[in-house]
Amino acid sequence: MGQLLHQFSVDLTWTGARDAGTATYTSYGRDHTLTSGARPALLGTSDPGFRGDPARWSPEDLLVGALSQCHMLWFLHLAATAGVVVVGYTDSASGTMRIEAAGHGQFTEVVLRPRVTVRNATLDDGTVVDDELLAGIHHSAQEHCFIARSVNFPVRHEAGPLVHEPSSV
């Protein structure tokens, strides 16, 4: 099978010039806006530890969020294909970044903590929908996630215990 190439475009506009621009490290704001087509604008900044606005999204937040989203989307796809009826999904993802003395930094890991609610207690073939089955789907989602496959640090998942929708048990 041949390769498919997908292109992604985002426009960034820096909105933090203030009166002095970058005359000094403290004279400018880190605020910016990300747009892409007709999508709603995303208000960005740097991390609050680097003079950013805590009410806006930082690149670090967006990276952790992208990993969480990618895993969820693959998990839902693979669950549907397997016959698992997912009716709820949440994640409390977190990332750890190390900053070195010279100011360089990198993520050392991201941990996803998905919590899944399913409707069916068994698959059509009688297989029980349990934590072990979902662990396999999480593993496959990890292998498929484009974002996780593109980073140079571990992306772990610590799935919470499976929850069955009350009417399914």
N, C-alpha and C. Protein backbone atom coordinates (compact mmCIF):
# COMPACT_ATOMS: atom_id res chain seq x y z
N MET A 1 0.85 -1.17 0.00
CA MET A 1 0.00 0.00 0.00
C MET A 1 0.90 1.23 0.00
N GLY A 2 0.57 2.22 -0.81
CA GLY A 2 1.35 3.44 -0.90
C GLY A 2 1.13 4.37 0.28
N GLN A 3 1.95 5.37 0.33
CA GLN A 3 1.85 6.35 1.41
C GLN A 3 0.86 7.44 1.04
N LEU A 4 0.16 7.92 2.05
CA LEU A 4 -0.71 9.07 1.90
C LEU A 4 -0.10 10.23 2.67
N LEU A 5 -0.04 11.37 2.08
CA LEU A 5 0.48 12.54 2.77
C LEU A 5 -0.67 13.50 3.08
N HIS A 6 -0.71 13.96 4.32
CA HIS A 6 -1.71 14.93 4.75
C HIS A 6 -0.97 16.20 5.16
N GLN A 7 -1.52 17.32 4.82
CA GLN A 7 -0.92 18.60 5.18
C GLN A 7 -1.81 19.30 6.20
N PHE A 8 -1.20 20.00 7.14
CA PHE A 8 -1.93 20.74 8.16
C PHE A 8 -1.39 22.16 8.19
N SER A 9 -2.27 23.13 8.21
CA SER A 9 -1.85 24.52 8.20
C SER A 9 -2.50 25.28 9.34
N VAL A 10 -1.70 26.07 10.03
CA VAL A 10 -2.17 26.92 11.11
C VAL A 10 -1.54 28.28 10.92
N ASP A 11 -2.32 29.31 11.10
CA ASP A 11 -1.80 30.68 11.05
C ASP A 11 -1.65 31.21 12.46
N LEU A 12 -0.51 31.81 12.75
CA LEU A 12 -0.22 32.36 14.06
C LEU A 12 -0.02 33.87 13.91
N THR A 13 -0.68 34.63 14.80
CA THR A 13 -0.49 36.08 14.84
C THR A 13 -0.13 36.47 16.26
N TRP A 14 1.04 37.07 16.42
CA TRP A 14 1.48 37.54 17.73
C TRP A 14 0.72 38.80 18.07
N THR A 15 0.12 38.86 19.25
CA THR A 15 -0.70 40.01 19.66
C THR A 15 -0.13 40.69 20.90
N GLY A 16 1.11 40.37 21.26
CA GLY A 16 1.67 40.87 22.52
C GLY A 16 2.74 41.94 22.37
N ALA A 17 2.77 42.68 21.28
CA ALA A 17 3.84 43.65 21.07
C ALA A 17 3.82 44.80 22.07
N ARG A 18 2.62 45.14 22.54
CA ARG A 18 2.47 46.29 23.45
C ARG A 18 3.12 47.53 22.82
N ASP A 19 3.53 48.49 23.61
CA ASP A 19 4.11 49.73 23.06
C ASP A 19 5.57 49.57 22.67
N ALA A 20 6.32 48.77 23.41
CA ALA A 20 7.77 48.71 23.21
C ALA A 20 8.25 47.51 22.41
N GLY A 21 7.35 46.59 22.07
CA GLY A 21 7.79 45.39 21.37
C GLY A 21 8.78 44.62 22.22
N THR A 22 9.79 44.06 21.59
CA THR A 22 10.78 43.26 22.31
C THR A 22 11.99 44.08 22.75
N ALA A 23 11.78 45.33 23.13
CA ALA A 23 12.88 46.18 23.62
C ALA A 23 13.58 45.53 24.82
N THR A 24 12.82 44.85 25.66
CA THR A 24 13.39 44.09 26.78
C THR A 24 12.60 42.79 26.92
N TYR A 25 13.14 41.89 27.74
CA TYR A 25 12.48 40.60 27.96
C TYR A 25 11.12 40.77 28.62
N THR A 26 10.96 41.81 29.42
CA THR A 26 9.69 42.01 30.13
C THR A 26 8.76 43.00 29.45
N SER A 27 9.19 43.61 28.35
CA SER A 27 8.36 44.65 27.72
C SER A 27 7.28 44.11 26.81
N TYR A 28 7.35 42.88 26.42
CA TYR A 28 6.38 42.33 25.47
C TYR A 28 5.55 41.21 26.10
N GLY A 29 4.38 41.02 25.56
CA GLY A 29 3.51 39.94 25.98
C GLY A 29 3.74 38.71 25.13
N ARG A 30 3.37 37.58 25.67
CA ARG A 30 3.54 36.31 24.95
C ARG A 30 2.26 35.89 24.24
N ASP A 31 1.23 36.72 24.29
CA ASP A 31 -0.07 36.37 23.72
C ASP A 31 -0.01 36.29 22.20
N HIS A 32 -0.74 35.34 21.69
CA HIS A 32 -0.86 35.15 20.24
C HIS A 32 -2.17 34.43 19.95
N THR A 33 -2.54 34.40 18.70
CA THR A 33 -3.77 33.75 18.28
C THR A 33 -3.44 32.75 17.18
N LEU A 34 -3.99 31.55 17.31
CA LEU A 34 -3.86 30.53 16.28
C LEU A 34 -5.19 30.41 15.55
N THR A 35 -5.13 30.38 14.25
CA THR A 35 -6.34 30.20 13.44
C THR A 35 -6.05 29.18 12.34
N SER A 36 -7.10 28.60 11.84
CA SER A 36 -7.00 27.67 10.72
C SER A 36 -8.36 27.60 10.06
N GLY A 37 -8.47 28.18 8.89
CA GLY A 37 -9.74 28.16 8.17
C GLY A 37 -10.84 28.81 8.98
N ALA A 38 -12.01 28.18 8.99
CA ALA A 38 -13.18 28.74 9.67
C ALA A 38 -13.28 28.31 11.13
N ARG A 39 -12.28 27.61 11.63
CA ARG A 39 -12.32 27.15 13.02
C ARG A 39 -12.25 28.32 13.98
N PRO A 40 -12.76 28.15 15.21
CA PRO A 40 -12.63 29.22 16.20
C PRO A 40 -11.16 29.50 16.51
N ALA A 41 -10.85 30.74 16.76
CA ALA A 41 -9.49 31.12 17.11
C ALA A 41 -9.11 30.49 18.46
N LEU A 42 -7.87 30.14 18.58
CA LEU A 42 -7.33 29.58 19.81
C LEU A 42 -6.37 30.60 20.40
N LEU A 43 -6.64 31.02 21.63
CA LEU A 43 -5.82 32.04 22.27
C LEU A 43 -4.64 31.38 22.95
N GLY A 44 -3.44 31.73 22.50
CA GLY A 44 -2.23 31.11 23.01
C GLY A 44 -1.34 32.09 23.75
N THR A 45 -0.40 31.53 24.46
CA THR A 45 0.58 32.29 25.24
C THR A 45 1.71 31.34 25.58
N SER A 46 2.66 31.80 26.38
CA SER A 46 3.65 30.88 26.92
C SER A 46 3.15 30.37 28.27
N ASP A 47 3.82 29.36 28.80
CA ASP A 47 3.48 28.86 30.11
C ASP A 47 3.60 29.99 31.13
N PRO A 48 2.73 30.03 32.14
CA PRO A 48 2.83 31.09 33.14
C PRO A 48 4.21 31.20 33.78
N GLY A 49 4.95 30.11 33.85
CA GLY A 49 6.31 30.15 34.38
C GLY A 49 7.27 30.93 33.49
N PHE A 50 6.83 31.21 32.26
CA PHE A 50 7.64 31.96 31.31
C PHE A 50 6.92 33.24 30.88
N ARG A 51 6.24 33.86 31.83
CA ARG A 51 5.57 35.14 31.66
C ARG A 51 4.30 35.05 30.82
N GLY A 52 3.69 33.89 30.76
CA GLY A 52 2.47 33.73 29.99
C GLY A 52 1.21 33.97 30.81
N ASP A 53 0.11 34.12 30.11
CA ASP A 53 -1.21 34.36 30.70
C ASP A 53 -1.84 33.02 31.05
N PRO A 54 -2.12 32.75 32.32
CA PRO A 54 -2.68 31.44 32.70
C PRO A 54 -4.08 31.18 32.13
N ALA A 55 -4.74 32.19 31.58
CA ALA A 55 -6.06 32.00 31.00
C ALA A 55 -5.99 31.55 29.54
N ARG A 56 -4.80 31.45 28.98
CA ARG A 56 -4.63 31.06 27.58
C ARG A 56 -3.88 29.73 27.49
N TRP A 57 -3.94 29.12 26.33
CA TRP A 57 -3.29 27.83 26.07
C TRP A 57 -1.82 28.04 25.74
N SER A 58 -0.95 27.22 26.37
CA SER A 58 0.47 27.25 26.05
C SER A 58 0.79 26.13 25.06
N PRO A 59 1.93 26.21 24.37
CA PRO A 59 2.31 25.10 23.48
C PRO A 59 2.43 23.78 24.24
N GLU A 60 2.86 23.84 25.49
CA GLU A 60 2.99 22.63 26.29
C GLU A 60 1.61 22.03 26.58
N ASP A 61 0.64 22.88 26.92
CA ASP A 61 -0.73 22.40 27.12
C ASP A 61 -1.25 21.73 25.85
N LEU A 62 -1.00 22.38 24.72
CA LEU A 62 -1.52 21.88 23.45
C LEU A 62 -0.88 20.55 23.07
N LEU A 63 0.41 20.37 23.39
CA LEU A 63 1.06 19.10 23.10
C LEU A 63 0.44 17.97 23.93
N VAL A 64 0.28 18.20 25.22
CA VAL A 64 -0.35 17.19 26.07
C VAL A 64 -1.78 16.92 25.58
N GLY A 65 -2.50 17.98 25.25
CA GLY A 65 -3.87 17.83 24.74
C GLY A 65 -3.92 17.07 23.43
N ALA A 66 -2.96 17.33 22.54
CA ALA A 66 -2.94 16.63 21.25
C ALA A 66 -2.71 15.14 21.45
N LEU A 67 -1.83 14.79 22.37
CA LEU A 67 -1.60 13.37 22.66
C LEU A 67 -2.85 12.71 23.24
N SER A 68 -3.54 13.41 24.13
CA SER A 68 -4.77 12.89 24.73
C SER A 68 -5.85 12.72 23.67
N GLN A 69 -6.02 13.74 22.84
CA GLN A 69 -7.04 13.67 21.78
C GLN A 69 -6.76 12.53 20.81
N CYS A 70 -5.51 12.43 20.38
CA CYS A 70 -5.14 11.42 19.39
C CYS A 70 -5.41 10.02 19.94
N HIS A 71 -5.02 9.80 21.20
CA HIS A 71 -5.25 8.48 21.80
C HIS A 71 -6.75 8.18 21.88
N MET A 72 -7.53 9.16 22.33
CA MET A 72 -8.97 8.95 22.44
C MET A 72 -9.59 8.64 21.08
N LEU A 73 -9.23 9.40 20.07
CA LEU A 73 -9.84 9.19 18.75
C LEU A 73 -9.50 7.80 18.19
N TRP A 74 -8.26 7.35 18.38
CA TRP A 74 -7.91 6.01 17.94
C TRP A 74 -8.60 4.96 18.80
N PHE A 75 -8.66 5.20 20.11
CA PHE A 75 -9.35 4.24 20.99
C PHE A 75 -10.80 4.06 20.56
N LEU A 76 -11.51 5.17 20.33
CA LEU A 76 -12.92 5.08 19.92
C LEU A 76 -13.06 4.34 18.60
N HIS A 77 -12.17 4.63 17.65
CA HIS A 77 -12.20 3.94 16.35
C HIS A 77 -12.02 2.43 16.54
N LEU A 78 -11.00 2.06 17.30
CA LEU A 78 -10.70 0.64 17.49
C LEU A 78 -11.76 -0.06 18.33
N ALA A 79 -12.33 0.65 19.30
CA ALA A 79 -13.42 0.07 20.10
C ALA A 79 -14.64 -0.21 19.23
N ALA A 80 -14.99 0.75 18.39
CA ALA A 80 -16.13 0.56 17.49
C ALA A 80 -15.91 -0.63 16.57
N THR A 81 -14.70 -0.73 16.03
CA THR A 81 -14.36 -1.84 15.15
C THR A 81 -14.45 -3.18 15.88
N ALA A 82 -14.07 -3.19 17.15
CA ALA A 82 -14.11 -4.43 17.95
C ALA A 82 -15.50 -4.76 18.47
N GLY A 83 -16.45 -3.83 18.36
CA GLY A 83 -17.80 -4.08 18.85
C GLY A 83 -18.04 -3.60 20.27
N VAL A 84 -17.09 -2.85 20.83
CA VAL A 84 -17.25 -2.29 22.17
C VAL A 84 -18.00 -0.96 22.03
N VAL A 85 -19.13 -0.84 22.72
CA VAL A 85 -19.94 0.37 22.62
C VAL A 85 -19.53 1.33 23.74
N VAL A 86 -18.67 2.28 23.41
CA VAL A 86 -18.20 3.28 24.37
C VAL A 86 -19.23 4.40 24.42
N VAL A 87 -19.67 4.75 25.63
CA VAL A 87 -20.64 5.84 25.79
C VAL A 87 -20.07 6.98 26.65
N GLY A 88 -18.87 6.81 27.16
CA GLY A 88 -18.24 7.87 27.94
C GLY A 88 -16.74 7.71 27.92
N TYR A 89 -16.02 8.82 27.85
CA TYR A 89 -14.56 8.77 27.83
C TYR A 89 -14.05 10.09 28.40
N THR A 90 -13.21 10.01 29.40
CA THR A 90 -12.55 11.19 29.93
C THR A 90 -11.07 10.85 30.08
N ASP A 91 -10.25 11.87 30.17
CA ASP A 91 -8.83 11.68 30.38
C ASP A 91 -8.31 12.84 31.22
N SER A 92 -7.43 12.53 32.13
CA SER A 92 -6.72 13.55 32.92
C SER A 92 -5.24 13.39 32.60
N ALA A 93 -4.83 13.93 31.48
CA ALA A 93 -3.47 13.76 30.99
C ALA A 93 -2.55 14.77 31.65
N SER A 94 -1.29 14.37 31.80
CA SER A 94 -0.30 15.30 32.34
C SER A 94 1.04 15.04 31.68
N GLY A 95 1.82 16.09 31.56
CA GLY A 95 3.14 15.97 30.96
C GLY A 95 4.19 16.49 31.92
N THR A 96 5.37 15.92 31.85
CA THR A 96 6.50 16.37 32.65
C THR A 96 7.57 16.91 31.71
N MET A 97 8.00 18.13 32.01
CA MET A 97 9.02 18.78 31.20
C MET A 97 10.20 19.13 32.10
N ARG A 98 11.39 18.82 31.65
CA ARG A 98 12.61 19.14 32.39
C ARG A 98 13.26 20.37 31.75
N ILE A 99 13.60 21.36 32.58
CA ILE A 99 14.30 22.55 32.11
C ILE A 99 15.73 22.48 32.63
N GLU A 100 16.67 22.62 31.75
CA GLU A 100 18.08 22.56 32.12
C GLU A 100 18.59 23.94 32.50
N ALA A 101 19.79 24.00 33.08
CA ALA A 101 20.36 25.24 33.58
C ALA A 101 20.45 26.32 32.50
N ALA A 102 20.75 25.94 31.27
CA ALA A 102 20.88 26.92 30.19
C ALA A 102 19.53 27.38 29.65
N GLY A 103 18.44 26.84 30.19
CA GLY A 103 17.11 27.24 29.74
C GLY A 103 16.52 26.31 28.69
N HIS A 104 17.30 25.35 28.19
CA HIS A 104 16.77 24.37 27.25
C HIS A 104 15.86 23.42 28.01
N GLY A 105 14.90 22.90 27.33
CA GLY A 105 14.01 21.96 28.00
C GLY A 105 13.44 20.95 27.04
N GLN A 106 12.88 19.91 27.59
CA GLN A 106 12.18 18.92 26.79
C GLN A 106 11.24 18.13 27.68
N PHE A 107 10.22 17.60 27.06
CA PHE A 107 9.31 16.71 27.78
C PHE A 107 10.05 15.41 28.06
N THR A 108 9.82 14.87 29.25
CA THR A 108 10.40 13.58 29.59
C THR A 108 9.36 12.47 29.51
N GLU A 109 8.07 12.83 29.65
CA GLU A 109 6.99 11.86 29.46
C GLU A 109 5.65 12.59 29.51
N VAL A 110 4.65 11.92 28.95
CA VAL A 110 3.26 12.31 29.10
C VAL A 110 2.52 11.07 29.58
N VAL A 111 1.64 11.25 30.55
CA VAL A 111 0.83 10.14 31.07
C VAL A 111 -0.63 10.45 30.78
N LEU A 112 -1.28 9.52 30.10
CA LEU A 112 -2.71 9.61 29.82
C LEU A 112 -3.43 8.76 30.86
N ARG A 113 -4.54 9.26 31.35
CA ARG A 113 -5.33 8.53 32.36
C ARG A 113 -6.78 8.40 31.90
N PRO A 114 -6.99 7.62 30.85
CA PRO A 114 -8.35 7.50 30.31
C PRO A 114 -9.28 6.73 31.24
N ARG A 115 -10.52 7.17 31.28
CA ARG A 115 -11.60 6.49 32.00
C ARG A 115 -12.71 6.25 30.99
N VAL A 116 -13.07 4.98 30.84
CA VAL A 116 -14.00 4.59 29.78
C VAL A 116 -15.27 4.00 30.38
N THR A 117 -16.41 4.42 29.84
CA THR A 117 -17.70 3.84 30.18
C THR A 117 -18.23 3.15 28.93
N VAL A 118 -18.64 1.88 29.09
CA VAL A 118 -19.17 1.13 27.96
C VAL A 118 -20.62 0.72 28.22
N ARG A 119 -21.31 0.47 27.15
CA ARG A 119 -22.71 0.05 27.24
C ARG A 119 -22.84 -1.46 27.30
N ASN A 120 -22.03 -2.18 26.53
CA ASN A 120 -22.22 -3.63 26.44
C ASN A 120 -21.27 -4.38 27.36
N ALA A 121 -21.82 -5.37 28.08
CA ALA A 121 -21.03 -6.21 28.99
C ALA A 121 -20.30 -7.32 28.23
N THR A 122 -20.83 -7.68 27.06
CA THR A 122 -20.18 -8.69 26.22
C THR A 122 -20.24 -8.26 24.77
N LEU A 123 -19.34 -8.82 23.97
CA LEU A 123 -19.39 -8.62 22.53
C LEU A 123 -20.39 -9.61 21.93
N ASP A 124 -20.69 -9.45 20.66
CA ASP A 124 -21.64 -10.35 20.00
C ASP A 124 -21.21 -11.81 20.07
N ASP A 125 -19.90 -12.06 20.12
CA ASP A 125 -19.41 -13.44 20.18
C ASP A 125 -19.31 -13.99 21.60
N GLY A 126 -19.79 -13.22 22.58
CA GLY A 126 -19.78 -13.65 23.97
C GLY A 126 -18.55 -13.22 24.77
N THR A 127 -17.55 -12.62 24.10
CA THR A 127 -16.36 -12.14 24.81
C THR A 127 -16.77 -11.07 25.82
N VAL A 128 -16.27 -11.21 27.03
CA VAL A 128 -16.59 -10.24 28.08
C VAL A 128 -15.83 -8.94 27.84
N VAL A 129 -16.54 -7.84 27.95
CA VAL A 129 -15.91 -6.52 27.86
C VAL A 129 -15.40 -6.20 29.26
N ASP A 130 -14.09 -6.32 29.41
CA ASP A 130 -13.49 -6.10 30.73
C ASP A 130 -12.23 -5.24 30.58
N ASP A 131 -11.55 -5.01 31.71
CA ASP A 131 -10.35 -4.18 31.70
C ASP A 131 -9.27 -4.75 30.79
N GLU A 132 -9.15 -6.06 30.74
CA GLU A 132 -8.14 -6.69 29.88
C GLU A 132 -8.40 -6.41 28.40
N LEU A 133 -9.65 -6.53 28.00
CA LEU A 133 -10.01 -6.24 26.61
C LEU A 133 -9.71 -4.79 26.28
N LEU A 134 -10.10 -3.88 27.19
CA LEU A 134 -9.85 -2.46 26.93
C LEU A 134 -8.36 -2.15 26.94
N ALA A 135 -7.58 -2.84 27.77
CA ALA A 135 -6.13 -2.63 27.78
C ALA A 135 -5.54 -2.94 26.41
N GLY A 136 -6.04 -3.96 25.77
CA GLY A 136 -5.57 -4.29 24.43
C GLY A 136 -5.93 -3.21 23.42
N ILE A 137 -7.12 -2.65 23.56
CA ILE A 137 -7.53 -1.57 22.66
C ILE A 137 -6.68 -0.32 22.92
N HIS A 138 -6.42 -0.01 24.20
CA HIS A 138 -5.54 1.12 24.53
C HIS A 138 -4.15 0.91 23.93
N HIS A 139 -3.64 -0.31 24.01
CA HIS A 139 -2.32 -0.60 23.45
C HIS A 139 -2.32 -0.35 21.94
N SER A 140 -3.34 -0.83 21.26
CA SER A 140 -3.43 -0.62 19.81
C SER A 140 -3.59 0.86 19.48
N ALA A 141 -4.36 1.57 20.28
CA ALA A 141 -4.52 3.02 20.06
C ALA A 141 -3.18 3.72 20.18
N GLN A 142 -2.39 3.31 21.17
CA GLN A 142 -1.05 3.88 21.36
C GLN A 142 -0.18 3.64 20.13
N GLU A 143 -0.26 2.44 19.58
CA GLU A 143 0.53 2.11 18.39
C GLU A 143 0.09 2.88 17.16
N HIS A 144 -1.18 3.26 17.10
CA HIS A 144 -1.71 3.96 15.93
C HIS A 144 -1.63 5.48 16.03
N CYS A 145 -1.58 6.03 17.22
CA CYS A 145 -1.67 7.48 17.40
C CYS A 145 -0.52 8.18 16.68
N PHE A 146 -0.85 9.01 15.71
CA PHE A 146 0.15 9.72 14.91
C PHE A 146 1.01 10.63 15.77
N ILE A 147 0.40 11.29 16.74
CA ILE A 147 1.13 12.25 17.56
C ILE A 147 2.10 11.50 18.47
N ALA A 148 1.64 10.45 19.14
CA ALA A 148 2.52 9.68 20.03
C ALA A 148 3.69 9.07 19.25
N ARG A 149 3.44 8.66 18.02
CA ARG A 149 4.50 8.08 17.20
C ARG A 149 5.50 9.13 16.73
N SER A 150 5.18 10.40 16.90
CA SER A 150 6.02 11.49 16.40
C SER A 150 6.87 12.16 17.47
N VAL A 151 6.68 11.80 18.72
CA VAL A 151 7.44 12.44 19.79
C VAL A 151 8.58 11.54 20.24
N ASN A 152 9.61 12.14 20.87
CA ASN A 152 10.79 11.37 21.27
C ASN A 152 10.85 11.10 22.77
N PHE A 153 9.69 11.06 23.39
CA PHE A 153 9.59 10.74 24.82
C PHE A 153 8.45 9.76 25.01
N PRO A 154 8.46 9.03 26.13
CA PRO A 154 7.39 8.03 26.34
C PRO A 154 6.02 8.68 26.57
N VAL A 155 5.02 8.07 26.00
CA VAL A 155 3.63 8.42 26.27
C VAL A 155 3.01 7.16 26.88
N ARG A 156 2.76 7.24 28.18
CA ARG A 156 2.21 6.09 28.89
C ARG A 156 0.72 6.30 29.11
N HIS A 157 0.01 5.21 29.30
CA HIS A 157 -1.39 5.34 29.70
C HIS A 157 -1.65 4.47 30.92
N GLU A 158 -2.35 5.09 31.84
CA GLU A 158 -2.77 4.43 33.08
C GLU A 158 -4.29 4.44 33.09
N ALA A 159 -4.85 3.48 32.42
CA ALA A 159 -6.31 3.45 32.29
C ALA A 159 -6.96 3.16 33.63
N GLY A 160 -8.02 3.88 33.90
CA GLY A 160 -8.80 3.63 35.10
C GLY A 160 -9.64 2.39 34.90
N PRO A 161 -10.24 1.90 35.96
CA PRO A 161 -11.08 0.71 35.83
C PRO A 161 -12.28 0.98 34.93
N LEU A 162 -12.61 0.01 34.15
CA LEU A 162 -13.75 0.06 33.25
C LEU A 162 -15.03 0.34 34.03
N VAL A 163 -15.87 1.18 33.48
CA VAL A 163 -17.19 1.44 34.06
C VAL A 163 -18.22 0.98 33.04
N HIS A 164 -19.17 0.17 33.50
CA HIS A 164 -20.29 -0.26 32.65
C HIS A 164 -21.44 0.69 32.90
N GLU A 165 -22.10 1.09 31.84
CA GLU A 165 -23.31 1.90 31.97
C GLU A 165 -24.28 1.11 32.85
N PRO A 166 -24.96 1.75 33.79
CA PRO A 166 -25.80 1.01 34.75
C PRO A 166 -26.76 0.00 34.13
N SER A 167 -27.31 0.30 32.98
CA SER A 167 -28.30 -0.61 32.40
C SER A 167 -27.68 -1.81 31.71
N SER A 168 -26.31 -1.85 31.59
CA SER A 168 -25.69 -2.94 30.84
C SER A 168 -25.25 -4.11 31.71
N VAL A 169 -25.33 -3.99 33.03
CA VAL A 169 -24.88 -5.09 33.88
C VAL A 169 -26.03 -5.82 34.53
